[in-house]
Amino acid sequence: MLEEKLDALAQRMAEHMARPFPPGCRGLSVEGQDMVLLDANAYGLVAGVREGTIGERHREGLARLAPVFAKVLPAIEDEYAAEYYTHVRDMTVLAAEVESLREK
């Protein structure tokens, strides 16, 4: 089960890297969140999970992303940006599942 989730996470990360960053999000703040930093922070945490190098502080950071995405996603007006950040959110959810499986 863990290996399947790790493979799925690697696939989502590759898909993410293949997508262009939404140009309208550069320098944009949505609901108080800098969109470039949100993307970079989320990807960095996900990459740490994929590599198996995440510590307690980063696990907490990963957990804090769920409410951020819940607040930000409905406020994104651009269709591509909303799709892009939904994908980022889904990556973080999958990464949290991987961490949960590792803790067992």
C-alpha atoms as a PDB file:
ATOM      1  CA  MET A   1       0.000   0.000   0.000  1.00  0.00           C
ATOM      2  CA  LEU A   2       2.786   2.452   0.901  1.00  0.00           C
ATOM      3  CA  GLU A   3       4.696   1.738  -2.324  1.00  0.00           C
ATOM      4  CA  GLU A   4       1.550   2.341  -4.392  1.00  0.00           C
ATOM      5  CA  LYS A   5       0.974   5.682  -2.673  1.00  0.00           C
ATOM      6  CA  LEU A   6       4.629   6.654  -3.172  1.00  0.00           C
ATOM      7  CA  ASP A   7       4.358   5.805  -6.875  1.00  0.00           C
ATOM      8  CA  ALA A   8       1.186   7.882  -7.147  1.00  0.00           C
ATOM      9  CA  LEU A   9       2.912  10.738  -5.338  1.00  0.00           C
ATOM     10  CA  ALA A  10       5.878  10.589  -7.719  1.00  0.00           C
ATOM     11  CA  GLN A  11       3.442  10.686 -10.664  1.00  0.00           C
ATOM     12  CA  ARG A  12       1.615  13.725  -9.285  1.00  0.00           C
ATOM     13  CA  MET A  13       4.900  15.490  -8.639  1.00  0.00           C
ATOM     14  CA  ALA A  14       5.999  14.861 -12.234  1.00  0.00           C
ATOM     15  CA  GLU A  15       2.653  16.164 -13.509  1.00  0.00           C
ATOM     16  CA  HIS A  16       3.044  19.240 -11.337  1.00  0.00           C
ATOM     17  CA  MET A  17       6.526  19.995 -12.641  1.00  0.00           C
ATOM     18  CA  ALA A  18       5.257  19.649 -16.224  1.00  0.00           C
ATOM     19  CA  ARG A  19       2.578  22.298 -15.691  1.00  0.00           C
ATOM     20  CA  PRO A  20       3.433  25.939 -16.169  1.00  0.00           C
ATOM     21  CA  PHE A  21       2.928  28.114 -13.109  1.00  0.00           C
ATOM     22  CA  PRO A  22      -0.165  30.290 -13.563  1.00  0.00           C
ATOM     23  CA  PRO A  23       1.260  33.630 -14.750  1.00  0.00           C
ATOM     24  CA  GLY A  24      -1.486  35.626 -13.040  1.00  0.00           C
ATOM     25  CA  CYS A  25      -0.417  34.211  -9.665  1.00  0.00           C
ATOM     26  CA  ARG A  26       3.047  35.759  -9.653  1.00  0.00           C
ATOM     27  CA  GLY A  27       3.006  38.404  -6.948  1.00  0.00           C
ATOM     28  CA  LEU A  28      -0.625  37.604  -6.165  1.00  0.00           C
ATOM     29  CA  SER A  29      -1.953  37.227  -2.648  1.00  0.00           C
ATOM     30  CA  VAL A  30      -5.222  35.322  -2.195  1.00  0.00           C
ATOM     31  CA  GLU A  31      -6.848  35.335   1.225  1.00  0.00           C
ATOM     32  CA  GLY A  32      -3.552  36.565   2.672  1.00  0.00           C
ATOM     33  CA  GLN A  33      -1.484  33.810   1.036  1.00  0.00           C
ATOM     34  CA  ASP A  34       1.332  34.578  -1.388  1.00  0.00           C
ATOM     35  CA  MET A  35       0.573  32.139  -4.196  1.00  0.00           C
ATOM     36  CA  VAL A  36       4.190  31.585  -5.246  1.00  0.00           C
ATOM     37  CA  LEU A  37       5.200  30.779  -1.670  1.00  0.00           C
ATOM     38  CA  LEU A  38       2.200  28.503  -1.190  1.00  0.00           C
ATOM     39  CA  ASP A  39       3.185  26.507  -4.272  1.00  0.00           C
ATOM     40  CA  ALA A  40       6.863  26.340  -3.300  1.00  0.00           C
ATOM     41  CA  ASN A  41       6.153  25.446   0.327  1.00  0.00           C
ATOM     42  CA  ALA A  42       3.681  22.724  -0.613  1.00  0.00           C
ATOM     43  CA  TYR A  43       6.006  21.201  -3.209  1.00  0.00           C
ATOM     44  CA  GLY A  44       8.961  21.273  -0.822  1.00  0.00           C
ATOM     45  CA  LEU A  45       6.997  19.439   1.858  1.00  0.00           C
ATOM     46  CA  VAL A  46       5.698  16.898  -0.649  1.00  0.00           C
ATOM     47  CA  ALA A  47       9.235  16.312  -1.970  1.00  0.00           C
ATOM     48  CA  GLY A  48      10.420  15.699   1.588  1.00  0.00           C
ATOM     49  CA  VAL A  49       7.713  13.099   2.085  1.00  0.00           C
ATOM     50  CA  ARG A  50       8.626  11.433  -1.200  1.00  0.00           C
ATOM     51  CA  GLU A  51      12.279  11.258  -0.144  1.00  0.00           C
ATOM     52  CA  GLY A  52      11.373  10.068   3.343  1.00  0.00           C
ATOM     53  CA  THR A  53      13.190  12.957   5.021  1.00  0.00           C
ATOM     54  CA  ILE A  54      10.323  14.781   6.677  1.00  0.00           C
ATOM     55  CA  GLY A  55      10.494  15.568  10.391  1.00  0.00           C
ATOM     56  CA  GLU A  56       7.866  16.535  12.946  1.00  0.00           C
ATOM     57  CA  ARG A  57       8.023  20.238  12.124  1.00  0.00           C
ATOM     58  CA  HIS A  58       7.443  19.514   8.447  1.00  0.00           C
ATOM     59  CA  ARG A  59       4.617  17.069   9.231  1.00  0.00           C
ATOM     60  CA  GLU A  60       2.943  19.898  11.121  1.00  0.00           C
ATOM     61  CA  GLY A  61       3.499  22.203   8.155  1.00  0.00           C
ATOM     62  CA  LEU A  62       1.915  19.664   5.850  1.00  0.00           C
ATOM     63  CA  ALA A  63      -1.103  19.385   8.154  1.00  0.00           C
ATOM     64  CA  ARG A  64      -1.473  23.190   8.216  1.00  0.00           C
ATOM     65  CA  LEU A  65      -1.825  23.300   4.427  1.00  0.00           C
ATOM     66  CA  ALA A  66      -5.296  21.698   4.341  1.00  0.00           C
ATOM     67  CA  PRO A  67      -7.104  24.675   5.896  1.00  0.00           C
ATOM     68  CA  VAL A  68      -5.035  27.073   3.774  1.00  0.00           C
ATOM     69  CA  PHE A  69      -6.184  25.381   0.584  1.00  0.00           C
ATOM     70  CA  ALA A  70      -9.767  25.241   1.898  1.00  0.00           C
ATOM     71  CA  LYS A  71      -9.664  29.030   2.246  1.00  0.00           C
ATOM     72  CA  VAL A  72      -7.691  29.871  -0.897  1.00  0.00           C
ATOM     73  CA  LEU A  73      -9.191  27.567  -3.543  1.00  0.00           C
ATOM     74  CA  PRO A  74     -12.729  29.029  -3.536  1.00  0.00           C
ATOM     75  CA  ALA A  75     -11.260  32.539  -3.859  1.00  0.00           C
ATOM     76  CA  ILE A  76      -9.191  31.822  -6.995  1.00  0.00           C
ATOM     77  CA  GLU A  77     -10.989  33.328  -9.968  1.00  0.00           C
ATOM     78  CA  ASP A  78      -8.770  32.139 -12.831  1.00  0.00           C
ATOM     79  CA  GLU A  79      -9.843  28.685 -14.063  1.00  0.00           C
ATOM     80  CA  TYR A  80      -6.337  27.430 -14.842  1.00  0.00           C
ATOM     81  CA  ALA A  81      -4.979  28.721 -11.526  1.00  0.00           C
ATOM     82  CA  ALA A  82      -7.814  27.012  -9.654  1.00  0.00           C
ATOM     83  CA  GLU A  83      -7.042  23.736 -11.446  1.00  0.00           C
ATOM     84  CA  TYR A  84      -3.311  24.158 -10.789  1.00  0.00           C
ATOM     85  CA  TYR A  85      -3.762  24.758  -7.069  1.00  0.00           C
ATOM     86  CA  THR A  86      -6.339  21.973  -6.765  1.00  0.00           C
ATOM     87  CA  HIS A  87      -3.630  19.669  -8.105  1.00  0.00           C
ATOM     88  CA  VAL A  88      -1.164  21.063  -5.545  1.00  0.00           C
ATOM     89  CA  ARG A  89      -3.712  20.487  -2.768  1.00  0.00           C
ATOM     90  CA  ASP A  90      -4.304  16.921  -3.949  1.00  0.00           C
ATOM     91  CA  MET A  91      -0.535  16.320  -3.883  1.00  0.00           C
ATOM     92  CA  THR A  92      -0.349  17.499  -0.280  1.00  0.00           C
ATOM     93  CA  VAL A  93      -3.281  15.290   0.720  1.00  0.00           C
ATOM     94  CA  LEU A  94      -1.581  12.278  -0.847  1.00  0.00           C
ATOM     95  CA  ALA A  95       1.698  13.166   0.880  1.00  0.00           C
ATOM     96  CA  ALA A  96      -0.137  13.306   4.218  1.00  0.00           C
ATOM     97  CA  GLU A  97      -1.563   9.845   3.515  1.00  0.00           C
ATOM     98  CA  VAL A  98       1.946   8.538   2.829  1.00  0.00           C
ATOM     99  CA  GLU A  99       3.172   9.990   6.124  1.00  0.00           C
ATOM    100  CA  SER A 100       0.233   8.445   7.940  1.00  0.00           C
ATOM    101  CA  LEU A 101       1.079   5.027   6.519  1.00  0.00           C
ATOM    102  CA  ARG A 102       4.712   5.416   7.552  1.00  0.00           C
ATOM    103  CA  GLU A 103       3.732   6.232  11.125  1.00  0.00           C
ATOM    104  CA  LYS A 104       1.868   2.927  11.503  1.00  0.00           C
END
